[in-house]
Amino acid sequence: MAGIKFDADKPRWDLLPWAEMEDVVQVLTFGAKKYGAYNWRSVPQAQERYFSAALRHITAWKSGEIIDPESGLPHLSHAISSLLFLDNFDGEDHGLFNSYAEDS
């Protein structure tokens, strides 16, 4: 007899491109070492600055520079990180979700 699992309407985490997500995590780790973990949460004018950062990385990528020379990681992974920060701020501003605690 086959088992039953009612998960048809659940989010499909298996659809994420995991190698690219690893690059995003590497960018976040690079940023944590350079600036401190969760520093992104207290940057003044964070929304404007991370929007600008995302566009700088996308523009560099579009110009043919795939890898960020400072970090050695993909520009698009940097852009995704900035967009994740913006998504987090947007969610907090609209009460959509709680952010991670800054406890380590």
Protein backbone atom coordinates (compact mmCIF):
# COMPACT_ATOMS: atom_id res chain seq x y z
CA MET A 1 0.00 0.00 0.00
CA ALA A 2 1.34 3.43 -0.97
CA GLY A 3 1.68 6.10 1.70
CA ILE A 4 -0.24 9.35 1.58
CA LYS A 5 1.12 12.83 2.15
CA PHE A 6 -1.02 15.93 1.71
CA ASP A 7 1.58 18.40 0.48
CA ALA A 8 0.32 19.39 -2.96
CA ASP A 9 -0.35 22.99 -1.90
CA LYS A 10 2.87 23.44 0.12
CA PRO A 11 5.80 25.58 -1.07
CA ARG A 12 8.18 23.68 -3.38
CA TRP A 13 11.59 24.34 -1.81
CA ASP A 14 13.03 21.67 -4.05
CA LEU A 15 12.63 24.07 -7.00
CA LEU A 16 15.36 26.43 -5.76
CA PRO A 17 18.62 26.35 -7.73
CA TRP A 18 20.79 25.29 -4.78
CA ALA A 19 24.21 26.00 -6.35
CA GLU A 20 23.16 29.62 -6.93
CA MET A 21 21.69 29.85 -3.43
CA GLU A 22 25.10 28.73 -2.14
CA ASP A 23 26.62 31.72 -3.97
CA VAL A 24 24.11 34.04 -2.26
CA VAL A 25 25.03 32.58 1.13
CA GLN A 26 28.71 33.10 0.26
CA VAL A 27 27.95 36.78 -0.50
CA LEU A 28 26.14 37.13 2.84
CA THR A 29 29.09 35.49 4.62
CA PHE A 30 31.52 37.84 2.82
CA GLY A 31 29.40 40.81 3.94
CA ALA A 32 29.20 39.53 7.53
CA LYS A 33 33.00 39.25 7.69
CA LYS A 34 33.51 42.68 6.12
CA TYR A 35 30.80 44.65 7.94
CA GLY A 36 29.52 42.41 10.74
CA ALA A 37 26.60 40.03 10.86
CA TYR A 38 23.24 41.78 10.43
CA ASN A 39 24.92 45.13 9.79
CA TRP A 40 22.65 45.48 6.76
CA ARG A 41 19.71 45.99 9.13
CA SER A 42 21.10 49.26 10.50
CA VAL A 43 22.53 50.98 7.43
CA PRO A 44 21.16 54.54 7.13
CA GLN A 45 18.85 55.01 4.12
CA ALA A 46 19.13 51.25 3.64
CA GLN A 47 16.35 50.91 1.07
CA GLU A 48 17.83 53.48 -1.28
CA ARG A 49 21.37 52.22 -0.81
CA TYR A 50 20.58 48.52 -1.32
CA PHE A 51 18.44 49.37 -4.34
CA SER A 52 21.42 51.24 -5.78
CA ALA A 53 23.78 48.37 -4.89
CA ALA A 54 21.51 45.85 -6.62
CA LEU A 55 21.45 47.99 -9.75
CA ARG A 56 25.25 48.44 -9.71
CA HIS A 57 25.73 44.67 -9.60
CA ILE A 58 23.11 44.06 -12.29
CA THR A 59 24.69 46.74 -14.48
CA ALA A 60 28.17 45.22 -14.04
CA TRP A 61 26.75 41.79 -14.95
CA LYS A 62 24.92 43.20 -17.98
CA SER A 63 28.18 44.83 -19.10
CA GLY A 64 29.82 41.41 -19.15
CA GLU A 65 31.53 41.36 -15.76
CA ILE A 66 30.13 38.15 -14.27
CA ILE A 67 32.30 38.05 -11.12
CA ASP A 68 32.64 40.89 -8.61
CA PRO A 69 36.38 41.62 -8.42
CA GLU A 70 36.40 42.40 -4.67
CA SER A 71 34.60 39.29 -3.44
CA GLY A 72 35.29 36.86 -6.27
CA LEU A 73 31.58 35.99 -6.23
CA PRO A 74 28.92 36.48 -8.92
CA HIS A 75 27.51 39.99 -9.33
CA LEU A 76 24.01 38.51 -9.59
CA SER A 77 24.44 36.84 -6.20
CA HIS A 78 25.32 40.25 -4.76
CA ALA A 79 22.25 41.73 -6.45
CA ILE A 80 20.04 38.94 -5.08
CA SER A 81 21.40 39.62 -1.58
CA SER A 82 20.53 43.31 -1.87
CA LEU A 83 17.07 42.43 -3.18
CA LEU A 84 16.55 40.04 -0.26
CA PHE A 85 17.38 42.89 2.12
CA LEU A 86 14.86 45.11 0.33
CA ASP A 87 12.24 42.37 0.49
CA ASN A 88 12.88 42.02 4.21
CA PHE A 89 12.49 45.77 4.80
CA ASP A 90 9.34 45.80 2.68
CA GLY A 91 7.86 42.93 4.67
CA GLU A 92 8.67 44.61 7.96
CA ASP A 93 7.27 47.95 6.79
CA HIS A 94 3.99 46.26 5.88
CA GLY A 95 3.85 43.86 8.84
CA LEU A 96 4.10 40.83 6.58
CA PHE A 97 6.57 38.86 8.68
CA ASN A 98 9.04 39.06 11.52
CA SER A 99 12.75 39.23 10.78
CA TYR A 100 15.40 36.99 12.26
CA ALA A 101 16.71 37.90 15.67
CA GLU A 102 20.13 39.51 15.86
CA ASP A 103 21.34 37.19 18.61
CA SER A 104 24.36 35.69 16.87
